[in-house]
Amino acid sequence: MSDLKAYISRRKKEDSDFAKDYEEGYLHFKIGALLKQAREEAGMTQEEVAKQMGTQKTAISRIENHAEDIRLSTLENYARTFGKTLKIELVD
């Protein structure tokens, strides 16, 4: 187990607030990271994405770095910018 994984595991056991907030925070981080990865793979800057979406670069930065409350329509528009479609799954 890596040092980071060991630290996270230990903190979750010792701090219930950390454990609760960690999962939600990680999910938001992961969504933002996936969006940023899609943009970079398309070879686009945040400014170029913003222009195509009709918004500001700061809005794209906020989407990629603070993905806790993104509207579904915004995610769909973001995906279309790269010629992709959004897929949402419910899993057990």
PDB file of N, CA and C in Angstrom:
ATOM      1  N   MET A   1       0.853  -1.172   0.000  1.00  0.00           N
ATOM      2  CA  MET A   1       0.000   0.000   0.000  1.00  0.00           C
ATOM      3  C   MET A   1       0.899   1.235   0.000  1.00  0.00           C
ATOM      4  N   SER A   2       0.522   2.212  -0.834  1.00  0.00           N
ATOM      5  CA  SER A   2       1.321   3.429  -0.904  1.00  0.00           C
ATOM      6  C   SER A   2       1.166   4.238   0.374  1.00  0.00           C
ATOM      7  N   ASP A   3       2.103   5.148   0.574  1.00  0.00           N
ATOM      8  CA  ASP A   3       2.036   6.026   1.749  1.00  0.00           C
ATOM      9  C   ASP A   3       0.737   6.830   1.757  1.00  0.00           C
ATOM     10  N   LEU A   4       0.329   7.315   0.571  1.00  0.00           N
ATOM     11  CA  LEU A   4      -0.896   8.108   0.488  1.00  0.00           C
ATOM     12  C   LEU A   4      -2.115   7.261   0.849  1.00  0.00           C
ATOM     13  N   LYS A   5      -2.194   6.064   0.295  1.00  0.00           N
ATOM     14  CA  LYS A   5      -3.329   5.190   0.607  1.00  0.00           C
ATOM     15  C   LYS A   5      -3.356   4.836   2.085  1.00  0.00           C
ATOM     16  N   ALA A   6      -2.195   4.593   2.670  1.00  0.00           N
ATOM     17  CA  ALA A   6      -2.119   4.278   4.103  1.00  0.00           C
ATOM     18  C   ALA A   6      -2.582   5.470   4.933  1.00  0.00           C
ATOM     19  N   TYR A   7      -2.170   6.663   4.538  1.00  0.00           N
ATOM     20  CA  TYR A   7      -2.574   7.875   5.246  1.00  0.00           C
ATOM     21  C   TYR A   7      -4.094   8.063   5.180  1.00  0.00           C
ATOM     22  N   ILE A   8      -4.646   7.918   3.975  1.00  0.00           N
ATOM     23  CA  ILE A   8      -6.091   8.085   3.798  1.00  0.00           C
ATOM     24  C   ILE A   8      -6.851   7.052   4.617  1.00  0.00           C
ATOM     25  N   SER A   9      -6.404   5.825   4.579  1.00  0.00           N
ATOM     26  CA  SER A   9      -7.045   4.761   5.345  1.00  0.00           C
ATOM     27  C   SER A   9      -7.020   5.068   6.843  1.00  0.00           C
ATOM     28  N   ARG A  10      -5.867   5.499   7.329  1.00  0.00           N
ATOM     29  CA  ARG A  10      -5.726   5.827   8.747  1.00  0.00           C
ATOM     30  C   ARG A  10      -6.626   7.002   9.134  1.00  0.00           C
ATOM     31  N   ARG A  11      -6.636   8.054   8.298  1.00  0.00           N
ATOM     32  CA  ARG A  11      -7.468   9.229   8.590  1.00  0.00           C
ATOM     33  C   ARG A  11      -8.945   8.879   8.602  1.00  0.00           C
ATOM     34  N   LYS A  12      -9.373   8.017   7.683  1.00  0.00           N
ATOM     35  CA  LYS A  12     -10.782   7.620   7.647  1.00  0.00           C
ATOM     36  C   LYS A  12     -11.187   6.907   8.931  1.00  0.00           C
ATOM     37  N   LYS A  13     -10.287   6.090   9.457  1.00  0.00           N
ATOM     38  CA  LYS A  13     -10.573   5.360  10.692  1.00  0.00           C
ATOM     39  C   LYS A  13     -10.609   6.289  11.900  1.00  0.00           C
ATOM     40  N   GLU A  14      -9.741   7.292  11.894  1.00  0.00           N
ATOM     41  CA  GLU A  14      -9.594   8.184  13.041  1.00  0.00           C
ATOM     42  C   GLU A  14     -10.565   9.369  13.029  1.00  0.00           C
ATOM     43  N   ASP A  15     -11.054   9.762  11.869  1.00  0.00           N
ATOM     44  CA  ASP A  15     -11.827  10.994  11.746  1.00  0.00           C
ATOM     45  C   ASP A  15     -13.059  10.753  10.865  1.00  0.00           C
ATOM     46  N   SER A  16     -14.213  10.606  11.478  1.00  0.00           N
ATOM     47  CA  SER A  16     -15.436  10.297  10.730  1.00  0.00           C
ATOM     48  C   SER A  16     -15.816  11.425   9.759  1.00  0.00           C
ATOM     49  N   ASP A  17     -15.553  12.673  10.122  1.00  0.00           N
ATOM     50  CA  ASP A  17     -15.841  13.790   9.208  1.00  0.00           C
ATOM     51  C   ASP A  17     -14.962  13.708   7.962  1.00  0.00           C
ATOM     52  N   PHE A  18     -13.702  13.386   8.158  1.00  0.00           N
ATOM     53  CA  PHE A  18     -12.787  13.224   7.019  1.00  0.00           C
ATOM     54  C   PHE A  18     -13.285  12.102   6.125  1.00  0.00           C
ATOM     55  N   ALA A  19     -13.684  10.979   6.724  1.00  0.00           N
ATOM     56  CA  ALA A  19     -14.148   9.821   5.955  1.00  0.00           C
ATOM     57  C   ALA A  19     -15.371  10.184   5.120  1.00  0.00           C
ATOM     58  N   LYS A  20     -16.320  10.880   5.730  1.00  0.00           N
ATOM     59  CA  LYS A  20     -17.545  11.267   5.031  1.00  0.00           C
ATOM     60  C   LYS A  20     -17.235  12.238   3.896  1.00  0.00           C
ATOM     61  N   ASP A  21     -16.460  13.254   4.172  1.00  0.00           N
ATOM     62  CA  ASP A  21     -16.158  14.283   3.185  1.00  0.00           C
ATOM     63  C   ASP A  21     -15.189  13.811   2.103  1.00  0.00           C
ATOM     64  N   TYR A  22     -14.353  12.829   2.418  1.00  0.00           N
ATOM     65  CA  TYR A  22     -13.354  12.365   1.467  1.00  0.00           C
ATOM     66  C   TYR A  22     -14.017  11.794   0.214  1.00  0.00           C
ATOM     67  N   GLU A  23     -14.996  10.935   0.386  1.00  0.00           N
ATOM     68  CA  GLU A  23     -15.625  10.279  -0.764  1.00  0.00           C
ATOM     69  C   GLU A  23     -16.288  11.296  -1.687  1.00  0.00           C
ATOM     70  N   GLU A  24     -17.021  12.230  -1.125  1.00  0.00           N
ATOM     71  CA  GLU A  24     -17.681  13.247  -1.933  1.00  0.00           C
ATOM     72  C   GLU A  24     -16.650  14.147  -2.605  1.00  0.00           C
ATOM     73  N   GLY A  25     -15.643  14.545  -1.885  1.00  0.00           N
ATOM     74  CA  GLY A  25     -14.598  15.389  -2.450  1.00  0.00           C
ATOM     75  C   GLY A  25     -13.846  14.694  -3.566  1.00  0.00           C
ATOM     76  N   TYR A  26     -13.578  13.408  -3.382  1.00  0.00           N
ATOM     77  CA  TYR A  26     -12.870  12.649  -4.416  1.00  0.00           C
ATOM     78  C   TYR A  26     -13.716  12.556  -5.681  1.00  0.00           C
ATOM     79  N   LEU A  27     -15.011  12.333  -5.532  1.00  0.00           N
ATOM     80  CA  LEU A  27     -15.893  12.246  -6.694  1.00  0.00           C
ATOM     81  C   LEU A  27     -15.863  13.544  -7.491  1.00  0.00           C
ATOM     82  N   HIS A  28     -15.938  14.681  -6.805  1.00  0.00           N
ATOM     83  CA  HIS A  28     -15.897  15.968  -7.499  1.00  0.00           C
ATOM     84  C   HIS A  28     -14.550  16.178  -8.181  1.00  0.00           C
ATOM     85  N   PHE A  29     -13.478  15.813  -7.506  1.00  0.00           N
ATOM     86  CA  PHE A  29     -12.141  15.929  -8.095  1.00  0.00           C
ATOM     87  C   PHE A  29     -12.052  15.079  -9.360  1.00  0.00           C
ATOM     88  N   LYS A  30     -12.577  13.850  -9.286  1.00  0.00           N
ATOM     89  CA  LYS A  30     -12.489  12.919 -10.410  1.00  0.00           C
ATOM     90  C   LYS A  30     -13.244  13.463 -11.622  1.00  0.00           C
ATOM     91  N   ILE A  31     -14.432  14.025 -11.417  1.00  0.00           N
ATOM     92  CA  ILE A  31     -15.208  14.597 -12.526  1.00  0.00           C
ATOM     93  C   ILE A  31     -14.418  15.724 -13.182  1.00  0.00           C
ATOM     94  N   GLY A  32     -13.892  16.624 -12.375  1.00  0.00           N
ATOM     95  CA  GLY A  32     -13.108  17.731 -12.920  1.00  0.00           C
ATOM     96  C   GLY A  32     -11.878  17.248 -13.670  1.00  0.00           C
ATOM     97  N   ALA A  33     -11.215  16.229 -13.129  1.00  0.00           N
ATOM     98  CA  ALA A  33     -10.020  15.675 -13.779  1.00  0.00           C
ATOM     99  C   ALA A  33     -10.373  15.039 -15.122  1.00  0.00           C
ATOM    100  N   LEU A  34     -11.509  14.354 -15.192  1.00  0.00           N
ATOM    101  CA  LEU A  34     -11.943  13.752 -16.455  1.00  0.00           C
ATOM    102  C   LEU A  34     -12.259  14.821 -17.499  1.00  0.00           C
ATOM    103  N   LEU A  35     -12.882  15.904 -17.064  1.00  0.00           N
ATOM    104  CA  LEU A  35     -13.188  16.989 -17.990  1.00  0.00           C
ATOM    105  C   LEU A  35     -11.918  17.648 -18.511  1.00  0.00           C
ATOM    106  N   LYS A  36     -10.984  17.886 -17.620  1.00  0.00           N
ATOM    107  CA  LYS A  36      -9.712  18.489 -18.025  1.00  0.00           C
ATOM    108  C   LYS A  36      -8.962  17.564 -18.982  1.00  0.00           C
ATOM    109  N   GLN A  37      -8.969  16.275 -18.697  1.00  0.00           N
ATOM    110  CA  GLN A  37      -8.297  15.300 -19.553  1.00  0.00           C
ATOM    111  C   GLN A  37      -8.904  15.309 -20.958  1.00  0.00           C
ATOM    112  N   ALA A  38     -10.228  15.364 -21.052  1.00  0.00           N
ATOM    113  CA  ALA A  38     -10.892  15.404 -22.357  1.00  0.00           C
ATOM    114  C   ALA A  38     -10.474  16.649 -23.135  1.00  0.00           C
ATOM    115  N   ARG A  39     -10.408  17.777 -22.448  1.00  0.00           N
ATOM    116  CA  ARG A  39      -9.997  19.034 -23.104  1.00  0.00           C
ATOM    117  C   ARG A  39      -8.572  18.943 -23.613  1.00  0.00           C
ATOM    118  N   GLU A  40      -7.687  18.435 -22.760  1.00  0.00           N
ATOM    119  CA  GLU A  40      -6.279  18.333 -23.150  1.00  0.00           C
ATOM    120  C   GLU A  40      -6.090  17.341 -24.293  1.00  0.00           C
ATOM    121  N   GLU A  41      -6.821  16.222 -24.266  1.00  0.00           N
ATOM    122  CA  GLU A  41      -6.721  15.240 -25.355  1.00  0.00           C
ATOM    123  C   GLU A  41      -7.209  15.825 -26.679  1.00  0.00           C
ATOM    124  N   ALA A  42      -8.143  16.774 -26.596  1.00  0.00           N
ATOM    125  CA  ALA A  42      -8.634  17.447 -27.797  1.00  0.00           C
ATOM    126  C   ALA A  42      -7.674  18.544 -28.250  1.00  0.00           C
ATOM    127  N   GLY A  43      -6.641  18.804 -27.437  1.00  0.00           N
ATOM    128  CA  GLY A  43      -5.650  19.819 -27.787  1.00  0.00           C
ATOM    129  C   GLY A  43      -6.179  21.233 -27.685  1.00  0.00           C
ATOM    130  N   MET A  44      -7.116  21.448 -26.768  1.00  0.00           N
ATOM    131  CA  MET A  44      -7.735  22.759 -26.634  1.00  0.00           C
ATOM    132  C   MET A  44      -7.343  23.419 -25.314  1.00  0.00           C
ATOM    133  N   THR A  45      -7.328  24.730 -25.335  1.00  0.00           N
ATOM    134  CA  THR A  45      -7.101  25.489 -24.109  1.00  0.00           C
ATOM    135  C   THR A  45      -8.453  25.777 -23.455  1.00  0.00           C
ATOM    136  N   GLN A  46      -8.405  26.198 -22.202  1.00  0.00           N
ATOM    137  CA  GLN A  46      -9.646  26.589 -21.528  1.00  0.00           C
ATOM    138  C   GLN A  46     -10.302  27.753 -22.267  1.00  0.00           C
ATOM    139  N   GLU A  47      -9.511  28.649 -22.765  1.00  0.00           N
ATOM    140  CA  GLU A  47     -10.039  29.809 -23.493  1.00  0.00           C
ATOM    141  C   GLU A  47     -10.768  29.370 -24.767  1.00  0.00           C
ATOM    142  N   GLU A  48     -10.213  28.408 -25.490  1.00  0.00           N
ATOM    143  CA  GLU A  48     -10.857  27.916 -26.711  1.00  0.00           C
ATOM    144  C   GLU A  48     -12.187  27.222 -26.386  1.00  0.00           C
ATOM    145  N   VAL A  49     -12.206  26.439 -25.328  1.00  0.00           N
ATOM    146  CA  VAL A  49     -13.436  25.768 -24.912  1.00  0.00           C
ATOM    147  C   VAL A  49     -14.482  26.803 -24.520  1.00  0.00           C
ATOM    148  N   ALA A  50     -14.058  27.783 -23.751  1.00  0.00           N
ATOM    149  CA  ALA A  50     -14.972  28.832 -23.312  1.00  0.00           C
ATOM    150  C   ALA A  50     -15.607  29.539 -24.514  1.00  0.00           C
ATOM    151  N   LYS A  51     -14.800  29.851 -25.491  1.00  0.00           N
ATOM    152  CA  LYS A  51     -15.307  30.548 -26.682  1.00  0.00           C
ATOM    153  C   LYS A  51     -16.361  29.695 -27.384  1.00  0.00           C
ATOM    154  N   GLN A  52     -16.088  28.403 -27.543  1.00  0.00           N
ATOM    155  CA  GLN A  52     -17.045  27.521 -28.216  1.00  0.00           C
ATOM    156  C   GLN A  52     -18.322  27.340 -27.401  1.00  0.00           C
ATOM    157  N   MET A  53     -18.207  27.399 -26.084  1.00  0.00           N
ATOM    158  CA  MET A  53     -19.375  27.224 -25.223  1.00  0.00           C
ATOM    159  C   MET A  53     -20.094  28.542 -24.946  1.00  0.00           C
ATOM    160  N   GLY A  54     -19.516  29.646 -25.397  1.00  0.00           N
ATOM    161  CA  GLY A  54     -20.140  30.945 -25.185  1.00  0.00           C
ATOM    162  C   GLY A  54     -20.052  31.412 -23.743  1.00  0.00           C
ATOM    163  N   THR A  55     -18.908  31.149 -23.119  1.00  0.00           N
ATOM    164  CA  THR A  55     -18.717  31.542 -21.731  1.00  0.00           C
ATOM    165  C   THR A  55     -17.311  32.092 -21.545  1.00  0.00           C
ATOM    166  N   GLN A  56     -16.913  32.308 -20.310  1.00  0.00           N
ATOM    167  CA  GLN A  56     -15.590  32.844 -19.985  1.00  0.00           C
ATOM    168  C   GLN A  56     -14.630  31.728 -19.588  1.00  0.00           C
ATOM    169  N   LYS A  57     -13.346  31.991 -19.754  1.00  0.00           N
ATOM    170  CA  LYS A  57     -12.306  31.040 -19.354  1.00  0.00           C
ATOM    171  C   LYS A  57     -12.426  30.701 -17.870  1.00  0.00           C
ATOM    172  N   THR A  58     -12.778  31.667 -17.056  1.00  0.00           N
ATOM    173  CA  THR A  58     -12.904  31.421 -15.617  1.00  0.00           C
ATOM    174  C   THR A  58     -13.993  30.386 -15.323  1.00  0.00           C
ATOM    175  N   ALA A  59     -15.042  30.367 -16.130  1.00  0.00           N
ATOM    176  CA  ALA A  59     -16.107  29.373 -15.948  1.00  0.00           C
ATOM    177  C   ALA A  59     -15.585  27.971 -16.245  1.00  0.00           C
ATOM    178  N   ILE A  60     -14.758  27.836 -17.261  1.00  0.00           N
ATOM    179  CA  ILE A  60     -14.185  26.532 -17.604  1.00  0.00           C
ATOM    180  C   ILE A  60     -13.237  26.088 -16.502  1.00  0.00           C
ATOM    181  N   SER A  61     -12.436  27.001 -15.993  1.00  0.00           N
ATOM    182  CA  SER A  61     -11.536  26.678 -14.880  1.00  0.00           C
ATOM    183  C   SER A  61     -12.333  26.200 -13.670  1.00  0.00           C
ATOM    184  N   ARG A  62     -13.422  26.885 -13.377  1.00  0.00           N
ATOM    185  CA  ARG A  62     -14.269  26.514 -12.243  1.00  0.00           C
ATOM    186  C   ARG A  62     -14.862  25.110 -12.443  1.00  0.00           C
ATOM    187  N   ILE A  63     -15.288  24.814 -13.678  1.00  0.00           N
ATOM    188  CA  ILE A  63     -15.839  23.491 -13.992  1.00  0.00           C
ATOM    189  C   ILE A  63     -14.785  22.411 -13.754  1.00  0.00           C
ATOM    190  N   GLU A  64     -13.579  22.648 -14.229  1.00  0.00           N
ATOM    191  CA  GLU A  64     -12.515  21.643 -14.128  1.00  0.00           C
ATOM    192  C   GLU A  64     -11.948  21.512 -12.714  1.00  0.00           C
ATOM    193  N   ASN A  65     -11.946  22.585 -11.956  1.00  0.00           N
ATOM    194  CA  ASN A  65     -11.298  22.558 -10.650  1.00  0.00           C
ATOM    195  C   ASN A  65     -12.240  22.479  -9.459  1.00  0.00           C
ATOM    196  N   HIS A  66     -13.504  22.778  -9.680  1.00  0.00           N
ATOM    197  CA  HIS A  66     -14.482  22.766  -8.581  1.00  0.00           C
ATOM    198  C   HIS A  66     -15.780  22.159  -9.100  1.00  0.00           C
ATOM    199  N   ALA A  67     -15.725  20.903  -9.451  1.00  0.00           N
ATOM    200  CA  ALA A  67     -16.827  20.252 -10.156  1.00  0.00           C
ATOM    201  C   ALA A  67     -17.937  19.752  -9.239  1.00  0.00           C
ATOM    202  N   GLU A  68     -18.194  20.461  -8.132  1.00  0.00           N
ATOM    203  CA  GLU A  68     -19.167  19.928  -7.187  1.00  0.00           C
ATOM    204  C   GLU A  68     -20.627  20.178  -7.558  1.00  0.00           C
ATOM    205  N   ASP A  69     -20.921  21.136  -8.401  1.00  0.00           N
ATOM    206  CA  ASP A  69     -22.318  21.429  -8.698  1.00  0.00           C
ATOM    207  C   ASP A  69     -22.467  21.878 -10.151  1.00  0.00           C
ATOM    208  N   ILE A  70     -22.231  20.968 -11.067  1.00  0.00           N
ATOM    209  CA  ILE A  70     -22.305  21.285 -12.487  1.00  0.00           C
ATOM    210  C   ILE A  70     -23.660  20.835 -13.017  1.00  0.00           C
ATOM    211  N   ARG A  71     -24.311  21.695 -13.767  1.00  0.00           N
ATOM    212  CA  ARG A  71     -25.586  21.333 -14.374  1.00  0.00           C
ATOM    213  C   ARG A  71     -25.364  20.289 -15.459  1.00  0.00           C
ATOM    214  N   LEU A  72     -26.330  19.400 -15.615  1.00  0.00           N
ATOM    215  CA  LEU A  72     -26.256  18.363 -16.631  1.00  0.00           C
ATOM    216  C   LEU A  72     -26.121  18.981 -18.020  1.00  0.00           C
ATOM    217  N   SER A  73     -26.841  20.040 -18.276  1.00  0.00           N
ATOM    218  CA  SER A  73     -26.757  20.696 -19.586  1.00  0.00           C
ATOM    219  C   SER A  73     -25.357  21.247 -19.851  1.00  0.00           C
ATOM    220  N   THR A  74     -24.685  21.710 -18.803  1.00  0.00           N
ATOM    221  CA  THR A  74     -23.315  22.204 -18.953  1.00  0.00           C
ATOM    222  C   THR A  74     -22.375  21.055 -19.299  1.00  0.00           C
ATOM    223  N   LEU A  75     -22.536  19.922 -18.630  1.00  0.00           N
ATOM    224  CA  LEU A  75     -21.709  18.749 -18.936  1.00  0.00           C
ATOM    225  C   LEU A  75     -21.936  18.283 -20.373  1.00  0.00           C
ATOM    226  N   GLU A  76     -23.181  18.281 -20.811  1.00  0.00           N
ATOM    227  CA  GLU A  76     -23.488  17.877 -22.186  1.00  0.00           C
ATOM    228  C   GLU A  76     -22.859  18.837 -23.189  1.00  0.00           C
ATOM    229  N   ASN A  77     -22.939  20.120 -22.923  1.00  0.00           N
ATOM    230  CA  ASN A  77     -22.345  21.133 -23.798  1.00  0.00           C
ATOM    231  C   ASN A  77     -20.822  20.992 -23.831  1.00  0.00           C
ATOM    232  N   TYR A  78     -20.235  20.749 -22.671  1.00  0.00           N
ATOM    233  CA  TYR A  78     -18.781  20.557 -22.566  1.00  0.00           C
ATOM    234  C   TYR A  78     -18.358  19.367 -23.426  1.00  0.00           C
ATOM    235  N   ALA A  79     -19.092  18.251 -23.316  1.00  0.00           N
ATOM    236  CA  ALA A  79     -18.769  17.050 -24.098  1.00  0.00           C
ATOM    237  C   ALA A  79     -18.904  17.313 -25.600  1.00  0.00           C
ATOM    238  N   ARG A  80     -19.958  18.004 -25.996  1.00  0.00           N
ATOM    239  CA  ARG A  80     -20.170  18.306 -27.416  1.00  0.00           C
ATOM    240  C   ARG A  80     -19.039  19.145 -27.997  1.00  0.00           C
ATOM    241  N   THR A  81     -18.420  19.974 -27.165  1.00  0.00           N
ATOM    242  CA  THR A  81     -17.311  20.814 -27.614  1.00  0.00           C
ATOM    243  C   THR A  81     -16.192  19.965 -28.208  1.00  0.00           C
ATOM    244  N   PHE A  82     -16.050  18.734 -27.709  1.00  0.00           N
ATOM    245  CA  PHE A  82     -14.999  17.831 -28.190  1.00  0.00           C
ATOM    246  C   PHE A  82     -15.544  16.756 -29.120  1.00  0.00           C
ATOM    247  N   GLY A  83     -16.808  16.887 -29.524  1.00  0.00           N
ATOM    248  CA  GLY A  83     -17.410  15.886 -30.397  1.00  0.00           C
ATOM    249  C   GLY A  83     -17.734  14.600 -29.661  1.00  0.00           C
ATOM    250  N   LYS A  84     -17.981  14.697 -28.361  1.00  0.00           N
ATOM    251  CA  LYS A  84     -18.287  13.524 -27.553  1.00  0.00           C
ATOM    252  C   LYS A  84     -19.709  13.630 -27.023  1.00  0.00           C
ATOM    253  N   THR A  85     -20.206  12.513 -26.494  1.00  0.00           N
ATOM    254  CA  THR A  85     -21.495  12.516 -25.837  1.00  0.00           C
ATOM    255  C   THR A  85     -21.286  12.161 -24.378  1.00  0.00           C
ATOM    256  N   LEU A  86     -22.202  12.619 -23.564  1.00  0.00           N
ATOM    257  CA  LEU A  86     -22.137  12.364 -22.130  1.00  0.00           C
ATOM    258  C   LEU A  86     -22.857  11.050 -21.831  1.00  0.00           C
ATOM    259  N   LYS A  87     -22.234  10.215 -21.011  1.00  0.00           N
ATOM    260  CA  LYS A  87     -22.837   8.938 -20.623  1.00  0.00           C
ATOM    261  C   LYS A  87     -22.889   8.917 -19.097  1.00  0.00           C
ATOM    262  N   ILE A  88     -24.079   8.682 -18.565  1.00  0.00           N
ATOM    263  CA  ILE A  88     -24.262   8.608 -17.127  1.00  0.00           C
ATOM    264  C   ILE A  88     -24.794   7.219 -16.811  1.00  0.00           C
ATOM    265  N   GLU A  89     -24.229   6.601 -15.794  1.00  0.00           N
ATOM    266  CA  GLU A  89     -24.654   5.267 -15.400  1.00  0.00           C
ATOM    267  C   GLU A  89     -25.021   5.240 -13.934  1.00  0.00           C
ATOM    268  N   LEU A  90     -25.991   4.420 -13.596  1.00  0.00           N
ATOM    269  CA  LEU A  90     -26.289   4.103 -12.211  1.00  0.00           C
ATOM    270  C   LEU A  90     -25.818   2.677 -12.000  1.00  0.00           C
ATOM    271  N   VAL A  91     -24.956   2.486 -11.037  1.00  0.00           N
ATOM    272  CA  VAL A  91     -24.395   1.159 -10.779  1.00  0.00           C
ATOM    273  C   VAL A  91     -24.570   0.789  -9.313  1.00  0.00           C
ATOM    274  N   ASP A  92     -24.593  -0.498  -9.048  1.00  0.00           N
ATOM    275  CA  ASP A  92     -24.668  -0.986  -7.661  1.00  0.00           C
ATOM    276  C   ASP A  92     -23.297  -1.045  -7.064  1.00  0.00           C
TER     277      ASP A  92
END
